[in-house]
Every structure is written in C-alpha cells, then in structure tokens.
Protein backbone atom coordinates (compact mmCIF):
# COMPACT_ATOMS: atom_id res chain seq x y z
CA MET A 1 0.00 0.00 0.00
CA GLN A 2 2.83 2.39 0.93
CA GLU A 3 4.59 1.76 -2.38
CA GLU A 4 1.39 2.37 -4.29
CA ILE A 5 0.96 5.76 -2.68
CA GLU A 6 4.59 6.76 -3.09
CA GLN A 7 4.65 5.70 -6.75
CA LYS A 8 1.54 7.65 -7.79
CA SER A 9 2.11 9.57 -11.01
CA VAL A 10 0.72 12.85 -12.23
CA THR A 11 -0.13 13.51 -15.86
CA LEU A 12 0.92 17.04 -16.78
CA MET A 13 -0.20 18.52 -20.11
CA ILE A 14 1.84 21.51 -21.40
CA ASN A 15 0.77 23.62 -24.36
CA GLY A 16 3.77 25.37 -25.96
CA THR A 17 5.86 25.72 -29.09
CA LYS A 18 9.12 24.54 -27.55
CA PHE A 19 9.58 21.98 -24.79
CA SER A 20 12.60 22.25 -22.48
CA LEU A 21 13.65 21.38 -18.93
CA ARG A 22 12.97 24.95 -17.87
CA THR A 23 9.44 24.73 -19.32
CA LEU A 24 8.83 21.47 -17.41
CA LYS A 25 10.14 22.98 -14.16
CA SER A 26 7.95 26.05 -14.58
CA ALA A 27 4.86 23.92 -15.26
CA ALA A 28 5.58 21.69 -12.23
CA LEU A 29 5.97 24.71 -9.95
CA LYS A 30 2.67 26.17 -11.18
CA LEU A 31 0.95 22.83 -10.55
CA LEU A 32 2.30 22.63 -7.00
CA ALA A 33 1.29 26.23 -6.30
CA HIS A 34 -2.20 25.49 -7.63
CA ARG A 35 -2.62 22.41 -5.44
CA GLN A 36 -1.33 24.21 -2.34
CA ASN A 37 -3.79 27.10 -2.79
CA PRO A 38 -6.94 26.21 -0.78
CA SER A 39 -9.05 28.66 -2.74
CA ALA A 40 -8.03 27.32 -6.15
CA PRO A 41 -10.92 25.70 -8.06
CA GLY A 42 -10.84 21.91 -8.18
CA VAL A 43 -8.37 21.61 -5.29
CA LYS A 44 -9.58 19.35 -2.48
CA HIS A 45 -8.27 19.61 1.04
CA ARG A 46 -6.26 16.55 1.98
CA GLY A 47 -4.93 15.21 5.27
CA LYS A 48 -5.48 17.44 8.31
CA GLN A 49 -8.11 20.13 7.77
CA THR A 50 -10.92 22.00 9.52
CA VAL A 51 -14.19 20.35 10.47
CA ARG A 52 -16.04 22.58 7.97
CA GLN A 53 -13.74 21.48 5.16
CA LEU A 54 -14.07 17.86 6.18
CA VAL A 55 -17.85 17.92 6.31
CA GLY A 56 -17.92 19.86 3.05
CA GLN A 57 -16.60 16.80 1.18
CA ASN A 58 -20.05 15.19 1.65
CA GLN A 59 -18.44 11.77 2.12
CA GLY A 60 -19.71 11.14 5.64
CA VAL A 61 -17.79 11.62 8.87
CA SER A 62 -16.78 9.09 11.54
CA ASN A 63 -15.90 10.11 15.11
CA ILE A 64 -12.99 8.65 17.07
CA GLU A 65 -12.22 9.75 20.63
CA LEU A 66 -8.50 10.32 21.22
CA SER A 67 -6.42 11.20 24.25
CA GLY A 68 -2.73 11.37 25.11
CA GLN A 69 -0.48 9.28 22.89
CA ASP A 70 -3.41 8.20 20.74
CA LEU A 71 -3.15 11.47 18.84
CA LYS A 72 0.42 10.82 17.65
CA GLU A 73 -0.48 7.28 16.62
CA PHE A 74 -3.57 8.57 14.83
CA GLN A 75 -1.63 11.19 12.86
CA ARG A 76 1.05 8.64 11.89
CA ILE A 77 -1.56 6.19 10.58
CA THR A 78 -3.48 8.87 8.67
CA ARG A 79 -0.31 9.99 6.91
CA ARG A 80 0.51 6.41 6.04
CA TYR A 81 -2.88 5.64 4.52
CA GLY A 82 -3.79 9.09 3.23
CA VAL A 83 -6.84 9.65 5.43
CA ASP A 84 -8.53 13.04 5.54
CA TYR A 85 -9.23 14.13 9.12
CA ALA A 86 -9.97 17.05 11.42
CA ILE A 87 -9.08 17.39 15.08
CA ARG A 88 -11.67 18.92 17.34
CA LYS A 89 -11.26 19.53 21.06
CA VAL A 90 -14.50 18.67 22.82
CA ASP A 91 -15.54 19.08 26.43
CA GLY A 92 -19.12 18.14 25.70
CA ASP A 93 -20.19 16.85 29.12
CA LYS A 94 -19.12 20.02 30.95
CA GLU A 95 -20.60 22.30 28.29
CA LYS A 96 -23.83 20.30 28.28
CA MET A 97 -24.08 20.56 32.07
CA ASN A 98 -23.67 24.33 31.94
CA LEU A 99 -26.13 24.63 29.07
CA ASP A 100 -28.66 22.48 30.92
CA VAL A 101 -28.60 24.94 33.83
CA GLU A 102 -28.71 28.03 31.60
CA VAL A 103 -31.51 26.68 29.38
CA ALA A 104 -33.54 25.60 32.41
CA LYS A 105 -33.14 29.09 33.90
CA LEU A 106 -34.13 30.75 30.63
CA ARG A 107 -37.17 28.51 30.32
CA LEU A 108 -38.26 29.47 33.84
CA MET A 109 -37.82 33.13 32.94
CA LYS A 110 -39.88 32.60 29.79
CA ALA A 111 -42.59 30.77 31.77
CA ASP A 112 -42.68 33.69 34.24
CA HIS A 113 -42.89 36.13 31.31
CA GLU A 114 -45.78 34.18 29.79
CA SER A 115 -47.51 33.89 33.17
CA LYS A 116 -47.25 37.64 33.68
CA ARG A 117 -48.62 38.25 30.20
CA PHE A 118 -51.60 35.93 30.82
CA ARG A 119 -52.22 37.65 34.17
CA LEU A 120 -52.22 41.07 32.51
CA GLU A 121 -54.59 39.83 29.80
CA ASP A 122 -56.94 38.56 32.51
CA GLN A 123 -56.73 41.89 34.35
CA LEU A 124 -57.53 43.75 31.15
CA VAL A 125 -60.65 41.62 30.69
CA ARG A 126 -61.87 41.44 34.30
CA PHE A 127 -60.04 43.41 36.99
CA TYR A 128 -59.54 46.81 35.37
CA PRO A 129 -63.07 47.11 33.92
CA GLU A 130 -64.58 46.14 37.28
CA GLN A 131 -62.41 48.65 39.15
CA LEU A 132 -63.31 51.37 36.68
CA ARG A 133 -67.03 50.68 37.04
CA GLN A 134 -66.71 50.73 40.83
CA GLN A 135 -64.85 54.05 40.97
CA GLU A 136 -67.16 55.63 38.41
CA ASP A 137 -70.15 54.50 40.49
CA TYR A 138 -68.54 56.10 43.52
CA ILE A 139 -68.14 59.38 41.64
CA ALA A 140 -71.76 59.28 40.47
CA GLY A 141 -72.91 58.53 44.03
CA PHE A 142 -70.88 61.36 45.52
CA LYS A 143 -72.30 63.77 42.94
CA ALA A 144 -75.84 62.65 43.75
CA ASP A 145 -75.31 63.11 47.49
CA MET A 146 -73.74 66.51 46.98
CA GLN A 147 -76.81 67.52 45.01
CA THR A 148 -79.03 66.27 47.84
CA LEU A 149 -77.07 68.33 50.37
CA SER A 150 -77.28 71.33 48.07
CA ASP A 151 -81.07 70.97 48.09
CA HIS A 152 -80.97 70.98 51.94
CA PRO A 153 -78.47 73.72 52.74
CA VAL A 154 -77.24 74.64 56.21
CA PRO A 155 -78.63 78.04 57.33
CA GLN A 156 -76.55 80.78 58.82
CA GLU A 157 -77.14 79.44 62.31
CA ASP A 158 -75.04 76.38 61.23
CA PHE A 159 -77.78 73.90 62.11
CA VAL A 160 -80.59 72.91 59.82
CA GLY A 161 -82.22 70.58 62.35
CA ILE A 162 -82.37 66.79 62.56
CA GLU A 163 -85.16 64.24 62.76
CA LEU A 164 -84.70 61.52 65.42
CA LEU A 165 -87.30 58.78 65.95
CA GLY A 166 -89.88 60.83 64.04
CA LYS A 167 -89.33 64.02 66.04
CA ALA A 168 -87.67 67.13 64.59
CA TYR A 169 -84.98 68.85 66.68
CA ALA A 170 -84.03 72.43 65.77
CA ASP A 171 -81.89 73.02 68.85
CA LYS A 172 -78.33 71.71 68.74
CA SER A 173 -78.09 70.89 72.43
CA ALA A 174 -81.38 68.98 72.50
CA ALA A 175 -80.52 67.11 69.32
CA GLY A 176 -77.08 66.19 70.66
CA GLU A 177 -78.40 64.95 74.03
CA THR A 178 -81.09 62.89 72.33
CA LEU A 179 -78.48 61.30 70.09
CA LEU A 180 -76.36 60.33 73.14
CA ALA A 181 -79.40 58.87 74.85
CA LEU A 182 -80.14 56.71 71.82
CA CYS A 183 -76.60 55.35 71.93
CA LYS A 184 -77.18 54.10 75.50
CA THR A 185 -80.26 52.08 74.55
CA ALA A 186 -79.35 50.97 70.98
CA PRO A 187 -78.51 47.28 70.43
CA HIS A 188 -74.93 46.32 69.61
CA ASP A 189 -75.71 43.40 67.34
CA HIS A 190 -77.54 45.20 64.52
CA ASP A 191 -78.02 48.64 62.96
CA THR A 192 -80.96 50.84 63.92
CA ALA A 193 -82.57 53.48 61.69
CA ILE A 194 -83.18 56.56 63.84
CA GLY A 195 -84.08 59.45 61.48
CA HIS A 196 -82.99 61.84 58.72
CA TYR A 197 -80.56 64.72 58.28
CA ARG A 198 -80.37 67.07 55.27
CA GLY A 199 -82.10 64.60 53.00
CA LEU A 200 -79.97 61.62 54.07
CA SER A 201 -81.15 58.72 56.21
CA VAL A 202 -79.51 58.31 59.63
CA THR A 203 -78.67 54.88 61.06
CA LEU A 204 -77.02 54.08 64.40
CA SER A 205 -74.42 51.32 64.30
CA TYR A 206 -72.04 49.83 66.86
CA ASP A 207 -68.41 49.25 65.90
CA SER A 208 -67.39 46.31 68.05
CA PHE A 209 -63.75 46.48 66.94
CA ASN A 210 -63.29 50.04 68.20
CA ALA A 211 -66.03 49.74 70.85
CA GLN A 212 -67.88 52.88 69.77
CA PHE A 213 -71.11 53.96 68.08
CA GLN A 214 -71.24 55.35 64.57
CA LEU A 215 -73.78 57.29 62.55
CA LEU A 216 -74.28 56.07 59.01
CA LEU A 217 -75.57 58.87 56.77
CA ARG A 218 -76.91 57.23 53.62
CA GLY A 219 -77.90 58.67 50.27
CA GLU A 220 -76.40 57.10 47.15
CA MET A 221 -73.25 56.57 49.23
CA THR A 222 -72.67 55.88 52.93
CA HIS A 223 -70.88 58.49 55.04
CA ILE A 224 -69.59 57.30 58.42
CA VAL A 225 -69.41 59.52 61.52
CA ASN A 226 -67.70 58.28 64.70
CA LEU A 227 -69.61 59.51 67.74
CA GLY A 228 -68.03 60.74 70.94
CA ALA A 229 -69.25 61.82 74.39
CA ASP A 230 -69.75 65.54 73.48
CA ALA A 231 -73.38 66.21 72.44
CA ARG A 232 -72.73 69.34 70.37
CA GLY A 233 -69.41 67.96 69.10
CA ASN A 234 -71.20 65.00 67.47
CA LEU A 235 -73.29 67.38 65.35
CA LEU A 236 -70.10 69.14 64.26
CA ARG A 237 -68.61 65.77 63.29
CA ILE A 238 -71.67 65.12 61.10
CA GLU A 239 -71.09 68.33 59.16
CA ASN A 240 -67.36 67.63 58.80
CA ALA A 241 -68.08 64.20 57.31
CA LEU A 242 -70.48 65.69 54.77
CA ASN A 243 -68.05 68.48 53.88
CA ASN A 244 -65.45 65.80 53.12
CA ILE A 245 -67.51 64.35 50.24
CA PRO A 246 -65.75 66.45 47.52
CA VAL A 247 -62.38 65.21 48.79
CA ARG A 248 -63.52 61.58 48.56
CA MET A 249 -64.89 62.19 45.08
CA GLN A 250 -61.55 63.69 43.98
CA LYS A 251 -59.71 60.59 45.24
CA ALA A 252 -62.09 58.39 43.26
CA GLN A 253 -61.39 60.45 40.14
CA GLU A 254 -57.65 60.12 40.69
CA GLN A 255 -58.12 56.38 41.00
CA VAL A 256 -59.96 56.33 37.66
CA ASP A 257 -57.10 58.23 35.99
CA SER A 258 -54.57 55.82 37.51
CA LEU A 259 -56.53 52.81 36.26
CA HIS A 260 -56.56 54.20 32.72
CA GLN A 261 -52.78 54.60 32.86
CA GLN A 262 -52.38 51.04 34.15
CA ILE A 263 -54.58 49.74 31.33
CA GLU A 264 -52.46 51.46 28.68
CA ALA A 265 -49.25 50.16 30.29
CA ALA A 266 -50.67 46.62 30.43
CA LYS A 267 -51.72 46.74 26.77
CA LEU A 268 -48.19 47.75 25.82
CA GLU A 269 -46.52 45.17 28.05
CA ILE A 270 -48.44 42.17 26.71
CA THR A 271 -47.13 42.95 23.22
CA GLN A 272 -43.50 42.76 24.35
CA PRO A 273 -41.71 39.52 23.38
CA PHE A 274 -39.58 37.52 25.78
CA PRO A 275 -36.32 39.58 26.02
CA GLN A 276 -34.05 36.51 26.07
CA ALA A 277 -35.89 34.66 23.29
CA LEU A 278 -32.89 34.65 20.91
CA GLU A 279 -30.54 33.51 23.66
CA LEU A 280 -32.91 30.69 24.60
CA THR A 281 -33.24 29.56 20.96
CA THR A 282 -29.48 29.61 20.40
CA LYS A 283 -28.62 27.75 23.59
CA SER A 284 -31.44 25.23 23.11
CA ALA A 285 -30.15 24.46 19.61
CA ARG A 286 -26.61 24.06 20.93
CA LEU A 287 -27.88 21.81 23.72
CA ALA A 288 -29.73 19.64 21.21
CA GLU A 289 -26.57 19.46 19.11
CA LEU A 290 -24.52 18.34 22.11
CA ASP A 291 -27.16 15.78 23.08
CA ALA A 292 -27.03 14.29 19.60
CA LEU A 293 -23.22 14.28 19.56
CA LEU A 294 -22.88 12.69 22.99
CA SER A 295 -25.59 10.14 22.18
CA MET A 296 -23.73 9.20 18.99
CA ASP A 297 -20.49 8.82 20.91
CA LYS A 298 -22.12 6.65 23.58
CA SER A 299 -23.92 4.47 21.06
CA ALA A 300 -20.73 3.68 19.09
CA PRO A 301 -20.05 -0.14 19.23
CA MET A 302 -17.12 -1.23 21.39
CA ASN A 303 -15.53 -4.69 21.55
CA ASN A 304 -14.52 -4.25 25.16
CA LYS A 305 -16.58 -1.88 27.34
CA SER A 306 -13.67 -1.36 29.72
CA GLU A 307 -11.22 -0.26 27.00
CA LYS A 308 -11.29 2.41 24.29
CA PRO A 309 -11.38 1.16 20.67
CA SER A 310 -7.96 0.95 19.08
CA VAL A 311 -7.27 3.79 16.65
CA LEU A 312 -4.82 1.58 14.74
CA ALA A 313 -7.37 -1.20 14.38
CA SER A 314 -9.99 1.26 13.08
CA LEU A 315 -7.62 2.63 10.46
CA GLU A 316 -6.34 -0.82 9.52
CA ARG A 317 -9.90 -1.93 8.82
CA GLY A 318 -10.41 1.22 6.73
CA SER A 319 -7.20 0.61 4.80
CA SER A 320 -8.17 -2.98 4.02
CA GLY A 321 -11.32 -1.73 2.39
CA MET A 322 -9.34 0.80 0.37
CA GLN A 323 -6.94 -1.89 -0.90
CA LYS A 324 -9.79 -4.11 -1.93
CA ASP A 325 -11.87 -1.47 -3.70
CA THR A 326 -9.48 1.24 -4.94
CA PRO A 327 -5.86 0.17 -4.35
CA GLN A 328 -4.30 3.29 -5.84
CA ARG A 329 -6.62 5.93 -4.31
CA ARG A 330 -6.67 7.70 -0.97
CA SER A 331 -9.49 6.95 1.44
CA ASP A 332 -12.71 8.76 0.54
CA ARG A 333 -14.08 8.35 4.07
CA PRO A 334 -12.84 11.21 6.29
CA LEU A 335 -12.40 11.00 10.04
CA ASP A 336 -13.28 13.53 12.68
CA ALA A 337 -11.00 13.06 15.68
CA ALA A 338 -12.35 14.44 18.93
CA LEU A 339 -10.01 15.21 21.77
C-alpha cells in the first residue's frame, strides 16, 4: 500500500511551441502552487483540515475519541494511509451541564414572562373594567349626594335641624343629648334606623372592633361619623363628614385616571416579546446538538466496554477496504477526531 501511494504519477499537459527542462520545471511549480492554494478551483483539502472542510466533502464523517499518545499514533496512521481528518477539542459533558442549567433558567424566565402576560390579559378583561365601574359608580354617588345636600343647605345658624325617631330637633343641644341617649339604649348586634338629616337617612351602628357607636348617613353613598361623648361635638362631626364628600370624590377620580394609565401600560406590556428569546433559541439548539453528539459517541459499538477502541485497528480496517476497492486511491471516508 505504501509503495502504491509513493509511486503515484501525475499527468501534466503543457501547451507550448518549444519543450525544455525549464518549461517542465515552470509547469511543475505552477501545478504545485495550484494544489497548495486552498481557494483554487478543483483543489480538495487533503490530510489534516478544519471540520467545515471535512464535512464539506459530503463523504460522511466518523468520530474517534482520542487522548494522550493516541493522537500521535492517529496522525502517523493517517499519513501512512492518506486519510482526511480534522481534530476537534471537545468538552461536551461540561458544556452540556452548563447549558442544561442556563436553558432551564431561561425557560423558567420565559414561563414567568408568559404567566405575567396571561395575568395582565386577565386583568384587562376582568379586573380593570370592574375597578373602573366601581370608581365611576362612587363618583356618580358622591355627585348625587352633593346635590341632595345642596337641596338641603345649612342656614346661617349652622344647624338645619335633625329628625330623630320621628321628632324634629331644631336646637343643637337637644338634638345632641337625644343622640347620646339613643346610643345608651341601641342594640350592639344590629343597625338601627333613627331618622334623617339634610335629605340623608340616619342609622345608628355599633363598631365592636373600636367599641364605639357610629352614625351612618346614607344617600347614594354611605358616610360614616364616629360619635363621641360631646353632644354638640357629634353634630359638628356630622357636618365635617359631609363636607369631606368632595375630597372623597376627587380621590375616586384620581383612582380612575390611575386605572386608565395602568390599562395602557398593560396593553403595551403584553405585546412585548420575551427579552431573552434569541438567547434561549441559540442555547437550546446548541444543547440539542450536544445531546445528539454525545448520544452518537455513547452508542458507538465497542468490543470491550472497559477499553477504548484501538485507533490503529480502526484505520487498519479502513485501509483494508481501500486496498480491496481502490488500491491506488486515498481513502474517501474522512475521520473527525475528537479530543
């Protein structure tokens, strides 16, 4: 086999008017330069080359794992039998482990991104519309109660009178004392309707948590007044609660404006793609590539599970096939040696 390779001849055709030794030398040098130029058309890479060049031959690639002295033996055998090969350093297990962790983390991040998007979509359909309706109802109720109070204004004497248990009280002191007396006899377990004030119904309620009575002034909305021990002071508290209605309505309007801003932000956010989508795709593809490569390496047949396959034996088997089929040609089956 060695003699056959060493004795290979090359047919060189020269077109010229006069043939001389100098012409032959010039033609031979041009041929060698052409064959040594990787970019020259028709020139195939031989012997050691890159993985891309090796795969580009479209002759199929076999993998052999090498370590230590195996590399020198491998290179000696390939030179002897004219085998095309590429050497690739691989640390697949470690890279796969790292990629497994990174891909798992990215998938969790993507799942969280999708979960947040679904939650926002649900809020756009249910939560935000319900909150808007609620706040808008509050605003409408406050406006209605303010109109009611406007129809029952407070006179200059600062007291318009109050109806308690069907009796009208125009005097502040009498009205305040009567209200305190009702608190002493009112039940604690349920509310009691006791009269009207400025067009609003008045209900007496006991707050068990704070251990005190409250007045509930109801129109379209409910306005709570915490009662104390001062008879005239309780009437002042009633007026303060009613004067606070515009402030409560303004807060409801601010809440409506905030909800509209949140809706616009949510609509924009659900259109945003997963920021690390490209990174996840790239690393997932690389992980799949490593899985396939490692699976191919593990599924390669071995005569002895406790020993690595002999590089020499593999090449000897390949060379036998070359002698039988094409005795004067280099091997057409390239090897990809992984370190």
